[in-house]
């Protein structure tokens, strides 16, 4: 059994995050021994999944749905597939935006303009933009 502090340390999150996840039902309420939360080892993989989903841009509500928000007759693999189809579209859009921003930053390293306005004014902006996109 793991204390909340041990879970927090092993997962790299604050104890307040764990309490919050428990409060909103993202993780199950653990057994309490003498008033202290005692988590089983399986909480670690659940926490890892939550952190991974957050880092990939999933919102708390999406993570809740992904983990527990489907009919209990739908197996987890099908839940993941249904959510993955929708989320892949979101991530593709996000990746496109990131790549565009990365291109702007890369081009700015070689830019000789003296100000943002000069660099991105017409017709200079059009020239720079064509090179970026």
Protein backbone atom coordinates (compact mmCIF):
# COMPACT_ATOMS: atom_id res chain seq x y z
CA UNK A 1 0.00 0.00 0.00
CA UNK A 2 1.23 3.49 -0.87
CA UNK A 3 0.64 6.74 0.98
CA UNK A 4 -0.47 9.82 -0.92
CA UNK A 5 3.04 11.23 -0.52
CA UNK A 6 4.60 8.11 -2.03
CA UNK A 7 2.19 8.22 -4.98
CA UNK A 8 2.93 11.91 -5.50
CA UNK A 9 6.68 11.36 -5.42
CA UNK A 10 6.65 8.34 -7.72
CA UNK A 11 4.33 10.03 -10.22
CA UNK A 12 5.90 13.47 -10.07
CA UNK A 13 2.72 15.31 -9.08
CA UNK A 14 1.64 17.31 -6.06
CA UNK A 15 -0.44 15.64 -3.36
CA UNK A 16 -3.07 18.32 -3.99
CA UNK A 17 -3.42 17.05 -7.57
CA UNK A 18 -4.06 13.54 -6.28
CA UNK A 19 -6.69 14.83 -3.84
CA UNK A 20 -8.29 16.81 -6.68
CA UNK A 21 -8.35 13.79 -9.00
CA UNK A 22 -9.99 11.80 -6.23
CA UNK A 23 -12.53 14.57 -5.56
CA UNK A 24 -13.63 14.78 -9.21
CA UNK A 25 -13.68 11.00 -9.64
CA UNK A 26 -10.69 10.72 -11.97
CA UNK A 27 -9.11 8.23 -9.58
CA UNK A 28 -11.02 6.00 -7.19
CA UNK A 29 -11.10 6.87 -3.52
CA UNK A 30 -8.48 4.75 -1.81
CA UNK A 31 -8.84 2.63 1.27
CA UNK A 32 -8.25 4.61 4.46
CA UNK A 33 -6.30 3.22 7.34
CA UNK A 34 -6.39 5.33 10.51
CA UNK A 35 -7.71 8.21 8.41
CA UNK A 36 -4.84 8.11 5.91
CA UNK A 37 -5.21 7.32 2.23
CA UNK A 38 -3.64 4.00 1.29
CA UNK A 39 -3.39 3.41 -2.45
CA UNK A 40 -2.74 0.09 -4.17
CA UNK A 41 0.06 -0.13 -6.73
CA UNK A 42 -2.38 0.04 -9.65
CA UNK A 43 -2.84 3.77 -8.98
CA UNK A 44 0.60 4.36 -10.50
CA UNK A 45 -0.37 3.21 -13.99
CA UNK A 46 -3.61 5.18 -13.80
CA UNK A 47 -1.69 8.30 -12.77
CA UNK A 48 0.82 7.73 -15.59
CA UNK A 49 -2.05 7.50 -18.07
CA UNK A 50 -3.58 10.72 -16.72
CA UNK A 51 -0.26 12.55 -17.01
CA UNK A 52 0.35 11.24 -20.52
CA UNK A 53 -3.13 12.25 -21.64
CA UNK A 54 -2.67 15.73 -20.17
CA UNK A 55 0.68 16.19 -21.87
CA UNK A 56 -0.95 15.19 -25.17
CA UNK A 57 -3.55 17.93 -24.74
CA UNK A 58 -6.46 15.99 -23.26
CA UNK A 59 -8.70 18.02 -20.96
CA UNK A 60 -9.77 16.61 -17.58
CA UNK A 61 -13.29 15.88 -18.87
CA UNK A 62 -11.87 13.98 -21.82
CA UNK A 63 -9.63 11.94 -19.54
CA UNK A 64 -12.57 11.12 -17.27
CA UNK A 65 -14.61 9.98 -20.25
CA UNK A 66 -11.72 8.00 -21.64
CA UNK A 67 -11.13 6.14 -18.40
CA UNK A 68 -14.60 5.71 -16.96
CA UNK A 69 -17.17 7.66 -18.93
CA UNK A 70 -18.47 4.95 -21.21
CA UNK A 71 -21.05 2.26 -20.73
CA UNK A 72 -19.50 -0.53 -18.66
CA UNK A 73 -20.36 -2.94 -21.48
CA UNK A 74 -17.88 -1.12 -23.75
CA UNK A 75 -14.41 -2.58 -23.18
CA UNK A 76 -11.54 -0.15 -22.52
CA UNK A 77 -9.94 -0.92 -25.89
CA UNK A 78 -13.09 0.26 -27.69
CA UNK A 79 -13.26 3.39 -25.48
CA UNK A 80 -9.71 4.23 -26.45
CA UNK A 81 -10.44 3.65 -30.13
CA UNK A 82 -13.51 5.91 -30.09
CA UNK A 83 -11.68 8.67 -28.25
CA UNK A 84 -8.51 8.26 -30.30
CA UNK A 85 -10.31 8.88 -33.59
CA UNK A 86 -11.60 12.23 -32.36
CA UNK A 87 -8.44 13.22 -30.52
CA UNK A 88 -6.18 12.42 -33.48
CA UNK A 89 -7.96 15.13 -35.45
CA UNK A 90 -7.37 17.62 -32.63
CA UNK A 91 -3.72 16.63 -32.33
CA UNK A 92 -3.19 16.90 -36.09
CA UNK A 93 -4.52 20.48 -35.98
CA UNK A 94 -2.34 21.26 -32.98
CA UNK A 95 0.71 19.74 -34.72
CA UNK A 96 0.06 21.87 -37.79
CA UNK A 97 0.00 25.00 -35.62
CA UNK A 98 3.17 23.96 -33.81
CA UNK A 99 4.98 23.32 -37.10
CA UNK A 100 3.94 26.73 -38.44
CA UNK A 101 5.16 28.43 -35.26
CA UNK A 102 8.40 26.48 -35.40
CA UNK A 103 8.91 27.62 -38.98
CA UNK A 104 8.34 31.25 -37.97
CA UNK A 105 10.87 30.91 -35.15
CA UNK A 106 13.40 29.20 -37.42
CA UNK A 107 13.06 31.90 -40.06
CA UNK A 108 13.32 34.63 -37.43
CA UNK A 109 16.81 33.39 -36.56
CA UNK A 110 18.01 34.51 -39.98
CA UNK A 111 15.83 37.61 -40.26
CA UNK A 112 17.58 40.96 -40.65
CA UNK A 113 14.52 43.12 -40.02
CA UNK A 114 14.81 45.66 -37.21
CA UNK A 115 11.29 45.20 -35.82
CA UNK A 116 8.34 42.82 -35.82
CA UNK A 117 6.31 45.38 -37.76
CA UNK A 118 8.99 45.61 -40.46
CA UNK A 119 9.29 41.84 -40.75
CA UNK A 120 5.57 41.17 -40.96
CA UNK A 121 4.36 44.22 -42.86
CA UNK A 122 3.22 44.06 -46.48
CA UNK A 123 4.90 43.16 -48.84
CA UNK A 124 7.69 41.82 -46.59
CA UNK A 125 5.21 39.69 -44.63
CA UNK A 126 3.94 38.10 -47.84
CA UNK A 127 7.50 37.24 -48.84
CA UNK A 128 8.33 35.82 -45.41
CA UNK A 129 5.01 34.00 -45.21
CA UNK A 130 5.51 32.29 -48.57
CA UNK A 131 8.87 31.03 -47.37
CA UNK A 132 7.33 29.76 -44.12
CA UNK A 133 4.27 28.00 -45.38
